[in-house]
Amino acid sequence: MNRIVLGAVSALLLVGAGLFWWQGKAATEAAAPPVAVPAQDFAGPPPDEIPTEDGDGLIGADLPQASEATREERRFNRLDRNRDSLISRSEALSPRVAAFRKLDTDGNNLLSFEEWAVATSNRFKGADANGDGQLTRPEFATTKPKPAKKPACRC
């Protein structure tokens, strides 16, 4: 008996939901014109007030100009994390830790970190001309990587 009552209630709920869905569908006219919007809402400035491509006619403060940093300055700034215009030993070693992990893909430590750190420390000591444990911009410029030689043309 409970199954019959439960089935009848379920059928009535489904029929009621179907009626609400059918009645709720919005009917639109097939050839209804678009909604008219007044033209003055979209009117921009008159053509004589539009700025030119070189910026003449702009209103407000000038845009800040980006300074073009040289390649060496960008390389220095990548390592100078605390922006004190000096590269400490830990700042010089920090990005190379990730490079070491990328090189040691299988994790067997054939290239040990100690060997790599000694080579990096020696390179740092060689660049640190005054021996204060920090690289200035001119000292850092001496660590610039050598450009790759381009192969001769095989014409």
C-alpha atoms as a PDB file:
ATOM      1  CA  MET A   1       0.000   0.000   0.000  1.00  0.00           C
ATOM      2  CA  ASN A   2       2.833   2.395   0.858  1.00  0.00           C
ATOM      3  CA  ARG A   3       4.378   1.844  -2.575  1.00  0.00           C
ATOM      4  CA  ILE A   4       1.151   2.854  -4.308  1.00  0.00           C
ATOM      5  CA  VAL A   5       0.777   6.045  -2.259  1.00  0.00           C
ATOM      6  CA  LEU A   6       4.445   6.903  -2.695  1.00  0.00           C
ATOM      7  CA  GLY A   7       4.199   6.317  -6.475  1.00  0.00           C
ATOM      8  CA  ALA A   8       1.085   8.500  -6.752  1.00  0.00           C
ATOM      9  CA  VAL A   9       2.702  11.349  -4.786  1.00  0.00           C
ATOM     10  CA  SER A  10       5.850  11.094  -6.935  1.00  0.00           C
ATOM     11  CA  ALA A  11       3.764  11.184 -10.135  1.00  0.00           C
ATOM     12  CA  LEU A  12       1.883  14.279  -8.923  1.00  0.00           C
ATOM     13  CA  LEU A  13       5.153  16.014  -8.041  1.00  0.00           C
ATOM     14  CA  LEU A  14       6.587  15.270 -11.483  1.00  0.00           C
ATOM     15  CA  VAL A  15       3.432  16.534 -13.219  1.00  0.00           C
ATOM     16  CA  GLY A  16       3.469  19.701 -11.081  1.00  0.00           C
ATOM     17  CA  ALA A  17       7.142  20.350 -11.813  1.00  0.00           C
ATOM     18  CA  GLY A  18       6.489  19.836 -15.520  1.00  0.00           C
ATOM     19  CA  LEU A  19       3.630  22.346 -15.453  1.00  0.00           C
ATOM     20  CA  PHE A  20       5.742  24.962 -13.673  1.00  0.00           C
ATOM     21  CA  TRP A  21       8.554  24.435 -16.166  1.00  0.00           C
ATOM     22  CA  TRP A  22       6.200  24.642 -19.150  1.00  0.00           C
ATOM     23  CA  GLN A  23       4.501  27.774 -17.834  1.00  0.00           C
ATOM     24  CA  GLY A  24       7.797  29.407 -16.911  1.00  0.00           C
ATOM     25  CA  LYS A  25       9.270  29.329 -20.401  1.00  0.00           C
ATOM     26  CA  ALA A  26       9.356  32.847 -21.790  1.00  0.00           C
ATOM     27  CA  ALA A  27       7.767  33.240 -25.172  1.00  0.00           C
ATOM     28  CA  THR A  28       9.368  35.778 -27.477  1.00  0.00           C
ATOM     29  CA  GLU A  29       7.998  37.154 -30.667  1.00  0.00           C
ATOM     30  CA  ALA A  30       9.670  35.839 -33.791  1.00  0.00           C
ATOM     31  CA  ALA A  31      10.195  39.250 -35.398  1.00  0.00           C
ATOM     32  CA  ALA A  32      10.491  41.454 -32.318  1.00  0.00           C
ATOM     33  CA  PRO A  33      12.540  44.615 -32.913  1.00  0.00           C
ATOM     34  CA  PRO A  34      15.600  45.207 -30.727  1.00  0.00           C
ATOM     35  CA  VAL A  35      15.246  47.517 -27.751  1.00  0.00           C
ATOM     36  CA  ALA A  36      15.857  51.110 -28.774  1.00  0.00           C
ATOM     37  CA  VAL A  37      18.615  52.886 -26.845  1.00  0.00           C
ATOM     38  CA  PRO A  38      19.011  56.665 -27.068  1.00  0.00           C
ATOM     39  CA  ALA A  39      22.025  57.669 -29.176  1.00  0.00           C
ATOM     40  CA  GLN A  40      23.304  60.247 -26.682  1.00  0.00           C
ATOM     41  CA  ASP A  41      24.201  57.457 -24.194  1.00  0.00           C
ATOM     42  CA  PHE A  42      26.930  56.194 -26.526  1.00  0.00           C
ATOM     43  CA  ALA A  43      28.175  59.523 -27.772  1.00  0.00           C
ATOM     44  CA  GLY A  44      31.872  59.965 -27.050  1.00  0.00           C
ATOM     45  CA  PRO A  45      33.901  63.128 -27.154  1.00  0.00           C
ATOM     46  CA  PRO A  46      33.762  65.169 -30.332  1.00  0.00           C
ATOM     47  CA  PRO A  47      36.418  64.165 -32.899  1.00  0.00           C
ATOM     48  CA  ASP A  48      38.500  67.283 -32.217  1.00  0.00           C
ATOM     49  CA  GLU A  49      38.854  66.261 -28.526  1.00  0.00           C
ATOM     50  CA  ILE A  50      40.113  62.713 -29.151  1.00  0.00           C
ATOM     51  CA  PRO A  51      43.832  62.339 -28.263  1.00  0.00           C
ATOM     52  CA  THR A  52      46.252  61.609 -31.082  1.00  0.00           C
ATOM     53  CA  GLU A  53      48.497  58.545 -31.235  1.00  0.00           C
ATOM     54  CA  ASP A  54      51.482  60.481 -29.857  1.00  0.00           C
ATOM     55  CA  GLY A  55      49.522  61.501 -26.726  1.00  0.00           C
ATOM     56  CA  ASP A  56      48.620  65.077 -27.617  1.00  0.00           C
ATOM     57  CA  GLY A  57      45.283  65.981 -26.093  1.00  0.00           C
ATOM     58  CA  LEU A  58      45.451  63.646 -23.085  1.00  0.00           C
ATOM     59  CA  ILE A  59      43.957  65.003 -19.893  1.00  0.00           C
ATOM     60  CA  GLY A  60      45.637  64.408 -16.538  1.00  0.00           C
ATOM     61  CA  ALA A  61      49.121  63.604 -15.336  1.00  0.00           C
ATOM     62  CA  ASP A  62      51.715  62.211 -17.718  1.00  0.00           C
ATOM     63  CA  LEU A  63      52.259  58.480 -17.699  1.00  0.00           C
ATOM     64  CA  PRO A  64      55.429  57.306 -15.947  1.00  0.00           C
ATOM     65  CA  GLN A  65      58.251  56.498 -18.309  1.00  0.00           C
ATOM     66  CA  ALA A  66      59.939  53.138 -17.889  1.00  0.00           C
ATOM     67  CA  SER A  67      63.709  53.264 -17.766  1.00  0.00           C
ATOM     68  CA  GLU A  68      65.530  50.761 -19.897  1.00  0.00           C
ATOM     69  CA  ALA A  69      67.845  48.746 -17.682  1.00  0.00           C
ATOM     70  CA  THR A  70      70.879  47.210 -19.256  1.00  0.00           C
ATOM     71  CA  ARG A  71      71.290  43.464 -19.365  1.00  0.00           C
ATOM     72  CA  GLU A  72      73.883  43.585 -16.565  1.00  0.00           C
ATOM     73  CA  GLU A  73      71.598  45.702 -14.356  1.00  0.00           C
ATOM     74  CA  ARG A  74      68.725  43.242 -14.813  1.00  0.00           C
ATOM     75  CA  ARG A  75      71.028  40.320 -14.019  1.00  0.00           C
ATOM     76  CA  PHE A  76      72.302  42.116 -10.905  1.00  0.00           C
ATOM     77  CA  ASN A  77      68.770  43.005  -9.767  1.00  0.00           C
ATOM     78  CA  ARG A  78      67.615  39.382 -10.091  1.00  0.00           C
ATOM     79  CA  LEU A  79      70.205  38.346  -7.499  1.00  0.00           C
ATOM     80  CA  ASP A  80      69.942  41.396  -5.226  1.00  0.00           C
ATOM     81  CA  ARG A  81      66.855  40.195  -3.332  1.00  0.00           C
ATOM     82  CA  ASN A  82      66.881  42.816  -0.571  1.00  0.00           C
ATOM     83  CA  ARG A  83      67.603  45.692  -3.015  1.00  0.00           C
ATOM     84  CA  ASP A  84      70.558  47.124  -1.092  1.00  0.00           C
ATOM     85  CA  SER A  85      72.744  47.296  -4.247  1.00  0.00           C
ATOM     86  CA  LEU A  86      74.996  44.590  -2.794  1.00  0.00           C
ATOM     87  CA  ILE A  87      74.935  40.839  -3.419  1.00  0.00           C
ATOM     88  CA  SER A  88      75.743  38.780  -0.362  1.00  0.00           C
ATOM     89  CA  ARG A  89      77.053  35.230  -0.537  1.00  0.00           C
ATOM     90  CA  SER A  90      73.645  33.785   0.394  1.00  0.00           C
ATOM     91  CA  GLU A  91      71.944  35.873  -2.324  1.00  0.00           C
ATOM     92  CA  ALA A  92      74.466  34.580  -4.868  1.00  0.00           C
ATOM     93  CA  LEU A  93      73.876  30.964  -3.847  1.00  0.00           C
ATOM     94  CA  SER A  94      70.073  31.024  -3.485  1.00  0.00           C
ATOM     95  CA  PRO A  95      69.002  30.727  -7.153  1.00  0.00           C
ATOM     96  CA  ARG A  96      71.656  28.123  -7.823  1.00  0.00           C
ATOM     97  CA  VAL A  97      70.144  25.706  -5.288  1.00  0.00           C
ATOM     98  CA  ALA A  98      67.145  25.283  -7.577  1.00  0.00           C
ATOM     99  CA  ALA A  99      69.460  24.862 -10.565  1.00  0.00           C
ATOM    100  CA  PHE A 100      71.306  22.100  -8.714  1.00  0.00           C
ATOM    101  CA  ARG A 101      68.048  20.298  -7.975  1.00  0.00           C
ATOM    102  CA  LYS A 102      67.095  20.527 -11.630  1.00  0.00           C
ATOM    103  CA  LEU A 103      70.424  19.003 -12.654  1.00  0.00           C
ATOM    104  CA  ASP A 104      70.152  16.116 -10.182  1.00  0.00           C
ATOM    105  CA  THR A 105      66.988  14.630 -11.641  1.00  0.00           C
ATOM    106  CA  ASP A 106      67.368  11.092 -10.302  1.00  0.00           C
ATOM    107  CA  GLY A 107      68.433  12.222  -6.823  1.00  0.00           C
ATOM    108  CA  ASN A 108      71.550  10.028  -6.663  1.00  0.00           C
ATOM    109  CA  ASN A 109      73.844  12.987  -5.888  1.00  0.00           C
ATOM    110  CA  LEU A 110      76.464  12.179  -8.461  1.00  0.00           C
ATOM    111  CA  LEU A 111      77.054  15.906  -8.588  1.00  0.00           C
ATOM    112  CA  SER A 112      77.312  16.636  -4.889  1.00  0.00           C
ATOM    113  CA  PHE A 113      76.195  19.950  -3.491  1.00  0.00           C
ATOM    114  CA  GLU A 114      79.505  20.423  -1.722  1.00  0.00           C
ATOM    115  CA  GLU A 115      81.418  20.230  -5.009  1.00  0.00           C
ATOM    116  CA  TRP A 116      79.043  22.683  -6.587  1.00  0.00           C
ATOM    117  CA  ALA A 117      79.124  25.056  -3.582  1.00  0.00           C
ATOM    118  CA  VAL A 118      82.933  25.084  -3.565  1.00  0.00           C
ATOM    119  CA  ALA A 119      82.987  26.020  -7.265  1.00  0.00           C
ATOM    120  CA  THR A 120      80.388  28.759  -6.704  1.00  0.00           C
ATOM    121  CA  SER A 121      82.162  30.098  -3.620  1.00  0.00           C
ATOM    122  CA  ASN A 122      85.446  30.212  -5.530  1.00  0.00           C
ATOM    123  CA  ARG A 123      83.750  32.103  -8.341  1.00  0.00           C
ATOM    124  CA  PHE A 124      82.267  34.507  -5.779  1.00  0.00           C
ATOM    125  CA  LYS A 125      85.663  35.014  -4.105  1.00  0.00           C
ATOM    126  CA  GLY A 126      87.264  35.651  -7.483  1.00  0.00           C
ATOM    127  CA  ALA A 127      84.700  38.338  -8.278  1.00  0.00           C
ATOM    128  CA  ASP A 128      84.871  39.943  -4.804  1.00  0.00           C
ATOM    129  CA  ALA A 129      87.900  42.163  -5.487  1.00  0.00           C
ATOM    130  CA  ASN A 130      87.968  43.936  -2.111  1.00  0.00           C
ATOM    131  CA  GLY A 131      87.199  40.779  -0.072  1.00  0.00           C
ATOM    132  CA  ASP A 132      84.303  42.251   1.926  1.00  0.00           C
ATOM    133  CA  GLY A 133      81.968  39.299   1.242  1.00  0.00           C
ATOM    134  CA  GLN A 134      79.630  41.318  -0.978  1.00  0.00           C
ATOM    135  CA  LEU A 135      79.632  42.123  -4.679  1.00  0.00           C
ATOM    136  CA  THR A 136      79.161  45.672  -5.899  1.00  0.00           C
ATOM    137  CA  ARG A 137      77.834  46.309  -9.390  1.00  0.00           C
ATOM    138  CA  PRO A 138      81.301  46.658 -10.991  1.00  0.00           C
ATOM    139  CA  GLU A 139      82.507  43.496  -9.226  1.00  0.00           C
ATOM    140  CA  PHE A 140      79.412  41.632 -10.331  1.00  0.00           C
ATOM    141  CA  ALA A 141      79.980  42.686 -13.952  1.00  0.00           C
ATOM    142  CA  THR A 142      83.133  40.535 -13.956  1.00  0.00           C
ATOM    143  CA  THR A 143      80.971  37.392 -13.527  1.00  0.00           C
ATOM    144  CA  LYS A 144      79.193  37.926 -16.834  1.00  0.00           C
ATOM    145  CA  PRO A 145      78.898  34.640 -18.734  1.00  0.00           C
ATOM    146  CA  LYS A 146      80.973  34.300 -21.865  1.00  0.00           C
ATOM    147  CA  PRO A 147      78.934  34.643 -25.066  1.00  0.00           C
ATOM    148  CA  ALA A 148      78.470  31.445 -27.018  1.00  0.00           C
ATOM    149  CA  LYS A 149      80.593  31.259 -30.137  1.00  0.00           C
ATOM    150  CA  LYS A 150      78.571  31.192 -33.306  1.00  0.00           C
ATOM    151  CA  PRO A 151      79.569  28.473 -35.731  1.00  0.00           C
ATOM    152  CA  ALA A 152      81.165  29.601 -38.971  1.00  0.00           C
ATOM    153  CA  CYS A 153      79.040  29.470 -42.079  1.00  0.00           C
ATOM    154  CA  ARG A 154      79.241  26.159 -43.978  1.00  0.00           C
ATOM    155  CA  CYS A 155      78.596  27.671 -47.353  1.00  0.00           C
END
